[in-house]
All heavy atoms as atom14 arrays in JSON, in Angstrom:
{
  "sequence": "FRQVSGKGREAISCISGSGSSTVYAGSVEGG",
  "atom14_mask": [
    [1, 1, 1, 1, 1, 1, 1, 1, 1, 1, 1, 0, 0, 0],
    [1, 1, 1, 1, 1, 1, 1, 1, 1, 1, 1, 0, 0, 0],
    [1, 1, 1, 1, 1, 1, 1, 1, 1, 0, 0, 0, 0, 0],
    [1, 1, 1, 1, 1, 1, 1, 0, 0, 0, 0, 0, 0, 0],
    [1, 1, 1, 1, 1, 1, 0, 0, 0, 0, 0, 0, 0, 0],
    [1, 1, 1, 1, 0, 0, 0, 0, 0, 0, 0, 0, 0, 0],
    [1, 1, 1, 1, 1, 1, 1, 1, 1, 0, 0, 0, 0, 0],
    [1, 1, 1, 1, 0, 0, 0, 0, 0, 0, 0, 0, 0, 0],
    [1, 1, 1, 1, 1, 1, 1, 1, 1, 1, 1, 0, 0, 0],
    [1, 1, 1, 1, 1, 1, 1, 1, 1, 0, 0, 0, 0, 0],
    [1, 1, 1, 1, 1, 0, 0, 0, 0, 0, 0, 0, 0, 0],
    [1, 1, 1, 1, 1, 1, 1, 1, 0, 0, 0, 0, 0, 0],
    [1, 1, 1, 1, 1, 1, 0, 0, 0, 0, 0, 0, 0, 0],
    [1, 1, 1, 1, 1, 1, 0, 0, 0, 0, 0, 0, 0, 0],
    [1, 1, 1, 1, 1, 1, 1, 1, 0, 0, 0, 0, 0, 0],
    [1, 1, 1, 1, 1, 1, 0, 0, 0, 0, 0, 0, 0, 0],
    [1, 1, 1, 1, 0, 0, 0, 0, 0, 0, 0, 0, 0, 0],
    [1, 1, 1, 1, 1, 1, 0, 0, 0, 0, 0, 0, 0, 0],
    [1, 1, 1, 1, 0, 0, 0, 0, 0, 0, 0, 0, 0, 0],
    [1, 1, 1, 1, 1, 1, 0, 0, 0, 0, 0, 0, 0, 0],
    [1, 1, 1, 1, 1, 1, 0, 0, 0, 0, 0, 0, 0, 0],
    [1, 1, 1, 1, 1, 1, 1, 0, 0, 0, 0, 0, 0, 0],
    [1, 1, 1, 1, 1, 1, 1, 0, 0, 0, 0, 0, 0, 0],
    [1, 1, 1, 1, 1, 1, 1, 1, 1, 1, 1, 1, 0, 0],
    [1, 1, 1, 1, 1, 0, 0, 0, 0, 0, 0, 0, 0, 0],
    [1, 1, 1, 1, 0, 0, 0, 0, 0, 0, 0, 0, 0, 0],
    [1, 1, 1, 1, 1, 1, 0, 0, 0, 0, 0, 0, 0, 0],
    [1, 1, 1, 1, 1, 1, 1, 0, 0, 0, 0, 0, 0, 0],
    [1, 1, 1, 1, 1, 1, 1, 1, 1, 0, 0, 0, 0, 0],
    [1, 1, 1, 1, 0, 0, 0, 0, 0, 0, 0, 0, 0, 0],
    [1, 1, 1, 1, 0, 0, 0, 0, 0, 0, 0, 0, 0, 0]
  ],
  "atom14_positions": [
    [[-7.91, 2.4, 14.64], [-8.83, 3.11, 13.84], [-8.16, 4.5, 13.49], [-7.37, 4.88, 14.2], [-10.2, 3.27, 14.46], [-10.34, 4.18, 15.57], [-10.6, 5.49, 15.52], [-10.36, 3.66, 16.84], [-10.75, 6.47, 16.48], [-10.45, 4.45, 17.9], [-10.65, 5.82, 17.87], [0.0, 0.0, 0.0], [0.0, 0.0, 0.0], [0.0, 0.0, 0.0]],
    [[-8.69, 5.2, 12.44], [-8.17, 6.47, 12.02], [-9.32, 7.38, 11.84], [-10.43, 7.02, 11.49], [-7.27, 6.39, 11.0], [-7.88, 5.93, 9.69], [-6.85, 5.68, 8.56], [-7.45, 5.37, 7.26], [-6.66, 4.95, 6.1], [-5.42, 4.93, 6.17], [-7.28, 4.62, 5.01], [0.0, 0.0, 0.0], [0.0, 0.0, 0.0], [0.0, 0.0, 0.0]],
    [[-9.07, 8.63, 11.91], [-9.98, 9.64, 11.73], [-9.37, 10.88, 11.06], [-8.48, 11.45, 11.39], [-10.63, 10.13, 13.13], [-11.81, 11.09, 12.89], [-12.57, 11.26, 14.32], [-11.92, 11.17, 15.41], [-13.83, 11.58, 14.24], [0.0, 0.0, 0.0], [0.0, 0.0, 0.0], [0.0, 0.0, 0.0], [0.0, 0.0, 0.0], [0.0, 0.0, 0.0]],
    [[-10.02, 11.15, 9.82], [-9.68, 12.17, 9.03], [-10.4, 13.51, 9.62], [-11.6, 13.33, 9.95], [-9.96, 12.11, 7.65], [-9.63, 13.32, 6.78], [-9.15, 10.92, 7.11], [0.0, 0.0, 0.0], [0.0, 0.0, 0.0], [0.0, 0.0, 0.0], [0.0, 0.0, 0.0], [0.0, 0.0, 0.0], [0.0, 0.0, 0.0], [0.0, 0.0, 0.0]],
    [[-9.83, 14.66, 9.65], [-10.43, 15.87, 10.14], [-11.8, 16.02, 9.5], [-11.94, 16.07, 8.22], [-9.56, 16.99, 9.86], [-10.17, 18.22, 10.36], [0.0, 0.0, 0.0], [0.0, 0.0, 0.0], [0.0, 0.0, 0.0], [0.0, 0.0, 0.0], [0.0, 0.0, 0.0], [0.0, 0.0, 0.0], [0.0, 0.0, 0.0], [0.0, 0.0, 0.0]],
    [[-12.81, 16.15, 10.25], [-14.14, 16.53, 9.68], [-14.96, 15.22, 9.29], [-16.1, 15.31, 8.81], [0.0, 0.0, 0.0], [0.0, 0.0, 0.0], [0.0, 0.0, 0.0], [0.0, 0.0, 0.0], [0.0, 0.0, 0.0], [0.0, 0.0, 0.0], [0.0, 0.0, 0.0], [0.0, 0.0, 0.0], [0.0, 0.0, 0.0], [0.0, 0.0, 0.0]],
    [[-14.38, 14.03, 9.6], [-15.07, 12.88, 9.11], [-15.14, 11.81, 10.29], [-14.49, 11.98, 11.32], [-14.29, 12.18, 7.92], [-14.32, 13.09, 6.64], [-13.67, 12.38, 5.45], [-13.75, 13.23, 4.21], [-13.26, 12.59, 3.01], [0.0, 0.0, 0.0], [0.0, 0.0, 0.0], [0.0, 0.0, 0.0], [0.0, 0.0, 0.0], [0.0, 0.0, 0.0]],
    [[-15.81, 10.69, 10.04], [-15.96, 9.76, 11.08], [-14.71, 8.81, 11.19], [-13.72, 8.87, 10.44], [0.0, 0.0, 0.0], [0.0, 0.0, 0.0], [0.0, 0.0, 0.0], [0.0, 0.0, 0.0], [0.0, 0.0, 0.0], [0.0, 0.0, 0.0], [0.0, 0.0, 0.0], [0.0, 0.0, 0.0], [0.0, 0.0, 0.0], [0.0, 0.0, 0.0]],
    [[-14.87, 7.95, 12.28], [-13.84, 7.0, 12.5], [-13.86, 5.85, 11.5], [-14.98, 5.34, 11.17], [-13.98, 6.51, 13.86], [-13.79, 7.5, 14.85], [-14.27, 7.09, 16.34], [-14.18, 8.07, 17.38], [-14.69, 8.05, 18.57], [-15.35, 6.89, 18.88], [-14.45, 9.08, 19.29], [0.0, 0.0, 0.0], [0.0, 0.0, 0.0], [0.0, 0.0, 0.0]],
    [[-12.71, 5.4, 11.06], [-12.59, 4.27, 10.14], [-11.69, 3.27, 10.75], [-10.59, 3.37, 11.06], [-11.92, 4.65, 8.87], [-11.74, 3.52, 7.94], [-10.86, 3.85, 6.67], [-10.16, 4.94, 6.71], [-10.9, 3.12, 5.72], [0.0, 0.0, 0.0], [0.0, 0.0, 0.0], [0.0, 0.0, 0.0], [0.0, 0.0, 0.0], [0.0, 0.0, 0.0]],
    [[-12.43, 2.1, 11.13], [-11.69, 0.96, 11.66], [-10.78, 0.38, 10.53], [-11.16, 0.22, 9.4], [-12.65, -0.18, 12.09], [0.0, 0.0, 0.0], [0.0, 0.0, 0.0], [0.0, 0.0, 0.0], [0.0, 0.0, 0.0], [0.0, 0.0, 0.0], [0.0, 0.0, 0.0], [0.0, 0.0, 0.0], [0.0, 0.0, 0.0], [0.0, 0.0, 0.0]],
    [[-9.45, 0.14, 10.91], [-8.49, -0.28, 9.89], [-7.88, -1.66, 10.05], [-7.48, -2.29, 9.17], [-7.42, 0.73, 9.45], [-6.69, 1.11, 10.89], [-8.03, 1.98, 9.0], [-5.5, 2.07, 10.65], [0.0, 0.0, 0.0], [0.0, 0.0, 0.0], [0.0, 0.0, 0.0], [0.0, 0.0, 0.0], [0.0, 0.0, 0.0], [0.0, 0.0, 0.0]],
    [[-7.85, -2.06, 11.34], [-7.18, -3.34, 11.72], [-7.67, -3.93, 13.04], [-8.06, -3.04, 13.98], [-5.76, -3.23, 11.54], [-5.11, -4.59, 11.68], [0.0, 0.0, 0.0], [0.0, 0.0, 0.0], [0.0, 0.0, 0.0], [0.0, 0.0, 0.0], [0.0, 0.0, 0.0], [0.0, 0.0, 0.0], [0.0, 0.0, 0.0], [0.0, 0.0, 0.0]],
    [[-7.53, -5.08, 13.21], [-7.82, -5.73, 14.51], [-6.94, -6.97, 14.76], [-6.69, -7.62, 13.67], [-9.24, -6.04, 14.68], [-9.76, -6.64, 16.39], [0.0, 0.0, 0.0], [0.0, 0.0, 0.0], [0.0, 0.0, 0.0], [0.0, 0.0, 0.0], [0.0, 0.0, 0.0], [0.0, 0.0, 0.0], [0.0, 0.0, 0.0], [0.0, 0.0, 0.0]],
    [[-6.59, -7.16, 15.96], [-5.74, -8.45, 16.16], [-6.32, -9.13, 17.42], [-6.72, -8.39, 18.39], [-4.32, -8.2, 16.25], [-3.47, -9.4, 16.59], [-4.07, -7.21, 17.42], [-1.93, -9.13, 16.33], [0.0, 0.0, 0.0], [0.0, 0.0, 0.0], [0.0, 0.0, 0.0], [0.0, 0.0, 0.0], [0.0, 0.0, 0.0], [0.0, 0.0, 0.0]],
    [[-6.34, -10.42, 17.46], [-7.07, -11.18, 18.59], [-6.0, -11.12, 19.8], [-4.85, -10.74, 19.55], [-7.25, -12.63, 18.25], [-6.05, -13.33, 17.82], [0.0, 0.0, 0.0], [0.0, 0.0, 0.0], [0.0, 0.0, 0.0], [0.0, 0.0, 0.0], [0.0, 0.0, 0.0], [0.0, 0.0, 0.0], [0.0, 0.0, 0.0], [0.0, 0.0, 0.0]],
    [[-6.55, -11.42, 20.87], [-5.76, -11.41, 22.18], [-4.45, -12.19, 22.04], [-3.44, -11.77, 22.64], [0.0, 0.0, 0.0], [0.0, 0.0, 0.0], [0.0, 0.0, 0.0], [0.0, 0.0, 0.0], [0.0, 0.0, 0.0], [0.0, 0.0, 0.0], [0.0, 0.0, 0.0], [0.0, 0.0, 0.0], [0.0, 0.0, 0.0], [0.0, 0.0, 0.0]],
    [[-4.51, -13.34, 21.48], [-3.38, -14.21, 21.36], [-2.4, -13.69, 20.3], [-1.26, -14.12, 20.33], [-3.74, -15.7, 21.18], [-4.41, -15.8, 19.77], [0.0, 0.0, 0.0], [0.0, 0.0, 0.0], [0.0, 0.0, 0.0], [0.0, 0.0, 0.0], [0.0, 0.0, 0.0], [0.0, 0.0, 0.0], [0.0, 0.0, 0.0], [0.0, 0.0, 0.0]],
    [[-2.92, -12.99, 19.29], [-2.23, -12.46, 18.29], [-2.21, -13.54, 16.98], [-1.6, -13.21, 15.98], [0.0, 0.0, 0.0], [0.0, 0.0, 0.0], [0.0, 0.0, 0.0], [0.0, 0.0, 0.0], [0.0, 0.0, 0.0], [0.0, 0.0, 0.0], [0.0, 0.0, 0.0], [0.0, 0.0, 0.0], [0.0, 0.0, 0.0], [0.0, 0.0, 0.0]],
    [[-3.07, -14.54, 17.22], [-3.1, -15.61, 16.1], [-3.93, -15.1, 14.91], [-3.79, -15.69, 13.81], [-3.73, -16.85, 16.66], [-5.02, -16.65, 17.23], [0.0, 0.0, 0.0], [0.0, 0.0, 0.0], [0.0, 0.0, 0.0], [0.0, 0.0, 0.0], [0.0, 0.0, 0.0], [0.0, 0.0, 0.0], [0.0, 0.0, 0.0], [0.0, 0.0, 0.0]],
    [[-4.89, -14.16, 15.1], [-5.75, -13.73, 14.01], [-5.6, -12.17, 13.83], [-5.64, -11.45, 14.77], [-7.2, -14.14, 14.27], [-7.31, -15.58, 14.42], [0.0, 0.0, 0.0], [0.0, 0.0, 0.0], [0.0, 0.0, 0.0], [0.0, 0.0, 0.0], [0.0, 0.0, 0.0], [0.0, 0.0, 0.0], [0.0, 0.0, 0.0], [0.0, 0.0, 0.0]],
    [[-5.6, -11.89, 12.56], [-5.63, -10.45, 12.19], [-6.69, -10.12, 11.03], [-6.92, -11.1, 10.26], [-4.27, -10.03, 11.79], [-3.8, -10.71, 10.65], [-3.28, -10.05, 13.02], [0.0, 0.0, 0.0], [0.0, 0.0, 0.0], [0.0, 0.0, 0.0], [0.0, 0.0, 0.0], [0.0, 0.0, 0.0], [0.0, 0.0, 0.0], [0.0, 0.0, 0.0]],
    [[-7.22, -8.92, 11.06], [-7.91, -8.53, 10.03], [-7.65, -7.06, 9.55], [-7.14, -6.26, 10.41], [-9.5, -8.66, 10.26], [-9.95, -10.01, 10.43], [-9.81, -7.84, 11.6], [0.0, 0.0, 0.0], [0.0, 0.0, 0.0], [0.0, 0.0, 0.0], [0.0, 0.0, 0.0], [0.0, 0.0, 0.0], [0.0, 0.0, 0.0], [0.0, 0.0, 0.0]],
    [[-8.03, -6.73, 8.41], [-7.74, -5.38, 7.81], [-8.78, -4.91, 6.96], [-9.45, -5.68, 6.32], [-6.45, -5.39, 7.0], [-5.22, -5.87, 7.71], [-4.82, -7.18, 7.81], [-4.38, -4.96, 8.49], [-3.73, -7.62, 8.41], [-3.31, -5.37, 9.14], [-2.92, -6.81, 9.23], [-1.82, -7.14, 9.79], [0.0, 0.0, 0.0], [0.0, 0.0, 0.0]],
    [[-9.04, -3.61, 7.08], [-9.91, -2.94, 6.15], [-9.31, -3.0, 4.79], [-8.13, -3.06, 4.49], [-10.17, -1.47, 6.59], [0.0, 0.0, 0.0], [0.0, 0.0, 0.0], [0.0, 0.0, 0.0], [0.0, 0.0, 0.0], [0.0, 0.0, 0.0], [0.0, 0.0, 0.0], [0.0, 0.0, 0.0], [0.0, 0.0, 0.0], [0.0, 0.0, 0.0]],
    [[-10.26, -3.02, 3.67], [-9.67, -3.1, 2.39], [-8.84, -2.02, 1.98], [-8.05, -2.17, 1.09], [0.0, 0.0, 0.0], [0.0, 0.0, 0.0], [0.0, 0.0, 0.0], [0.0, 0.0, 0.0], [0.0, 0.0, 0.0], [0.0, 0.0, 0.0], [0.0, 0.0, 0.0], [0.0, 0.0, 0.0], [0.0, 0.0, 0.0], [0.0, 0.0, 0.0]],
    [[-9.07, -0.82, 2.73], [-8.44, 0.38, 2.23], [-6.85, 0.31, 2.61], [-5.97, 1.05, 2.1], [-8.98, 1.57, 2.86], [-9.0, 1.43, 4.26], [0.0, 0.0, 0.0], [0.0, 0.0, 0.0], [0.0, 0.0, 0.0], [0.0, 0.0, 0.0], [0.0, 0.0, 0.0], [0.0, 0.0, 0.0], [0.0, 0.0, 0.0], [0.0, 0.0, 0.0]],
    [[-6.54, -0.52, 3.56], [-5.17, -0.68, 4.04], [-4.4, -2.07, 3.91], [-3.3, -2.19, 4.14], [-4.93, -0.3, 5.48], [-5.67, 1.09, 5.73], [-5.7, -1.29, 6.45], [0.0, 0.0, 0.0], [0.0, 0.0, 0.0], [0.0, 0.0, 0.0], [0.0, 0.0, 0.0], [0.0, 0.0, 0.0], [0.0, 0.0, 0.0], [0.0, 0.0, 0.0]],
    [[-5.24, -2.95, 3.54], [-4.8, -4.35, 3.39], [-3.66, -4.45, 2.44], [-3.79, -3.9, 1.24], [-5.86, -5.37, 3.0], [-5.47, -6.84, 3.05], [-6.64, -7.77, 3.0], [-7.72, -7.46, 2.66], [-6.4, -9.06, 3.31], [0.0, 0.0, 0.0], [0.0, 0.0, 0.0], [0.0, 0.0, 0.0], [0.0, 0.0, 0.0], [0.0, 0.0, 0.0]],
    [[-2.53, -5.06, 2.68], [-1.47, -5.21, 1.82], [-0.36, -4.19, 2.08], [0.79, -4.38, 1.73], [0.0, 0.0, 0.0], [0.0, 0.0, 0.0], [0.0, 0.0, 0.0], [0.0, 0.0, 0.0], [0.0, 0.0, 0.0], [0.0, 0.0, 0.0], [0.0, 0.0, 0.0], [0.0, 0.0, 0.0], [0.0, 0.0, 0.0], [0.0, 0.0, 0.0]],
    [[-0.8, -3.04, 2.77], [0.21, -2.08, 3.17], [0.5, -1.94, 4.66], [1.51, -1.48, 5.09], [0.0, 0.0, 0.0], [0.0, 0.0, 0.0], [0.0, 0.0, 0.0], [0.0, 0.0, 0.0], [0.0, 0.0, 0.0], [0.0, 0.0, 0.0], [0.0, 0.0, 0.0], [0.0, 0.0, 0.0], [0.0, 0.0, 0.0], [0.0, 0.0, 0.0]]
  ]
}
């Protein structure tokens, strides 16, 4: 997750324990 100064936390990505599944926030997907 990331946090901009003065703002809340933004979850941006997650990966499963095995590494087989990943997800991304729309703001960062593709990059």
